[in-house]
Amino acid sequence: MNTKYEEVLKACLECLEACNTCFDACLKEEDVKMMAECIRLDRECADICAYAAQAITRNSPFTKQIIELCAEICERCAEECAKHDYDHCQRCAESCRKCAEACRKMAA
């Protein structure tokens, strides 16, 4: 693995965990229908973060494109999570923002 990607890898793994935690907690909220878009984006974001981590660790020739997409999805997930007052959503939004920033910085 290229060591220049260590910060992004760490951010992706932390975001993956935050999204999975948020996803699980959203499913337990009283109004699950209201949380549908948050749940959907948590899944998308967790999946792209996992895929980005895999691309980084196997030194994929597509890493730059994958982390650019990861940043885009993380930003969208952060926007959605930030709309909800639940602690798990706010923590997820922050983690997504950090991951998007790390991805953008690395892809630049």
Protein backbone atom coordinates (compact mmCIF):
# COMPACT_ATOMS: atom_id res chain seq x y z
CA MET A 1 0.00 0.00 0.00
CA ASN A 2 1.16 3.49 -0.80
CA THR A 3 1.77 5.25 2.53
CA LYS A 4 0.58 8.58 1.12
CA TYR A 5 -2.95 7.18 1.40
CA GLU A 6 -2.77 6.37 5.13
CA GLU A 7 -4.81 9.43 6.21
CA VAL A 8 -7.53 8.70 3.64
CA LEU A 9 -7.62 5.02 4.57
CA LYS A 10 -8.08 5.92 8.25
CA ALA A 11 -10.82 8.45 7.40
CA CYS A 12 -12.62 5.91 5.19
CA LEU A 13 -12.58 3.24 7.88
CA GLU A 14 -13.84 5.69 10.53
CA CYS A 15 -16.58 6.89 8.18
CA LEU A 16 -17.57 3.31 7.36
CA GLU A 17 -18.01 2.62 11.07
CA ALA A 18 -19.95 5.86 11.67
CA CYS A 19 -22.28 5.16 8.73
CA ASN A 20 -22.96 1.60 9.89
CA THR A 21 -23.69 2.84 13.41
CA CYS A 22 -25.99 5.56 12.06
CA PHE A 23 -27.72 3.10 9.72
CA ASP A 24 -28.43 0.71 12.58
CA ALA A 25 -29.61 3.47 14.92
CA CYS A 26 -31.86 5.04 12.24
CA LEU A 27 -33.62 1.71 11.80
CA LYS A 28 -34.54 1.85 15.49
CA GLU A 29 -35.98 5.38 15.38
CA GLU A 30 -39.72 5.79 15.87
CA ASP A 31 -40.36 7.30 12.42
CA VAL A 32 -38.26 5.04 10.19
CA LYS A 33 -39.96 6.37 7.05
CA MET A 34 -38.66 9.86 7.85
CA MET A 35 -35.15 8.37 8.10
CA ALA A 36 -35.32 6.50 4.76
CA GLU A 37 -32.99 8.81 2.83
CA CYS A 38 -30.53 8.89 5.72
CA ILE A 39 -30.54 5.09 5.88
CA ARG A 40 -30.08 4.83 2.10
CA LEU A 41 -27.15 7.25 2.09
CA ASP A 42 -25.57 5.59 5.14
CA ARG A 43 -25.49 2.34 3.12
CA GLU A 44 -24.11 4.02 -0.01
CA CYS A 45 -21.46 5.84 1.99
CA ALA A 46 -20.40 2.79 4.01
CA ASP A 47 -20.10 0.78 0.79
CA ILE A 48 -17.99 3.36 -1.07
CA CYS A 49 -15.76 3.85 1.99
CA ALA A 50 -15.20 0.09 2.17
CA TYR A 51 -14.48 -0.02 -1.56
CA ALA A 52 -12.12 2.95 -1.32
CA ALA A 53 -10.24 1.23 1.52
CA GLN A 54 -9.92 -1.89 -0.63
CA ALA A 55 -8.70 0.11 -3.62
CA ILE A 56 -6.10 1.88 -1.47
CA THR A 57 -4.79 -1.29 0.15
CA ARG A 58 -4.47 -3.15 -3.14
CA ASN A 59 -2.90 -0.13 -4.87
CA SER A 60 -5.64 0.02 -7.52
CA PRO A 61 -4.88 2.08 -10.63
CA PHE A 62 -8.36 3.62 -10.12
CA THR A 63 -7.77 4.83 -6.55
CA LYS A 64 -7.95 8.52 -7.48
CA GLN A 65 -11.31 8.14 -9.23
CA ILE A 66 -12.68 5.97 -6.43
CA ILE A 67 -11.72 8.44 -3.70
CA GLU A 68 -13.20 11.29 -5.76
CA LEU A 69 -16.51 9.39 -5.87
CA CYS A 70 -16.12 8.58 -2.18
CA ALA A 71 -15.80 12.30 -1.40
CA GLU A 72 -18.95 13.06 -3.39
CA ILE A 73 -21.02 10.39 -1.64
CA CYS A 74 -19.63 11.33 1.79
CA GLU A 75 -20.60 14.96 1.23
CA ARG A 76 -24.14 13.96 0.25
CA CYS A 77 -24.44 11.66 3.27
CA ALA A 78 -23.15 14.43 5.56
CA GLU A 79 -25.77 16.84 4.19
CA GLU A 80 -28.57 14.36 4.87
CA CYS A 81 -27.37 13.30 8.31
CA ALA A 82 -26.93 16.94 9.36
CA LYS A 83 -30.69 17.46 8.86
CA HIS A 84 -31.46 15.15 11.80
CA ASP A 85 -30.94 16.07 15.46
CA TYR A 86 -30.05 12.56 16.59
CA ASP A 87 -26.54 12.20 18.03
CA HIS A 88 -25.74 9.27 15.74
CA CYS A 89 -26.66 11.36 12.68
CA GLN A 90 -24.60 14.33 13.84
CA ARG A 91 -21.57 12.11 14.55
CA CYS A 92 -22.00 10.47 11.15
CA ALA A 93 -22.22 13.84 9.38
CA GLU A 94 -18.97 14.95 11.00
CA SER A 95 -17.20 11.72 10.08
CA CYS A 96 -18.47 11.98 6.50
CA ARG A 97 -17.21 15.58 6.23
CA LYS A 98 -13.77 14.55 7.48
CA CYS A 99 -13.62 11.66 5.04
CA ALA A 100 -14.74 13.83 2.11
CA GLU A 101 -12.10 16.40 2.99
CA ALA A 102 -9.35 13.77 3.23
CA CYS A 103 -10.43 12.25 -0.09
CA ARG A 104 -10.57 15.61 -1.87
CA LYS A 105 -7.15 16.56 -0.51
CA MET A 106 -5.62 13.28 -1.65
CA ALA A 107 -7.28 13.35 -5.08
CA ALA A 108 -6.13 16.92 -5.79
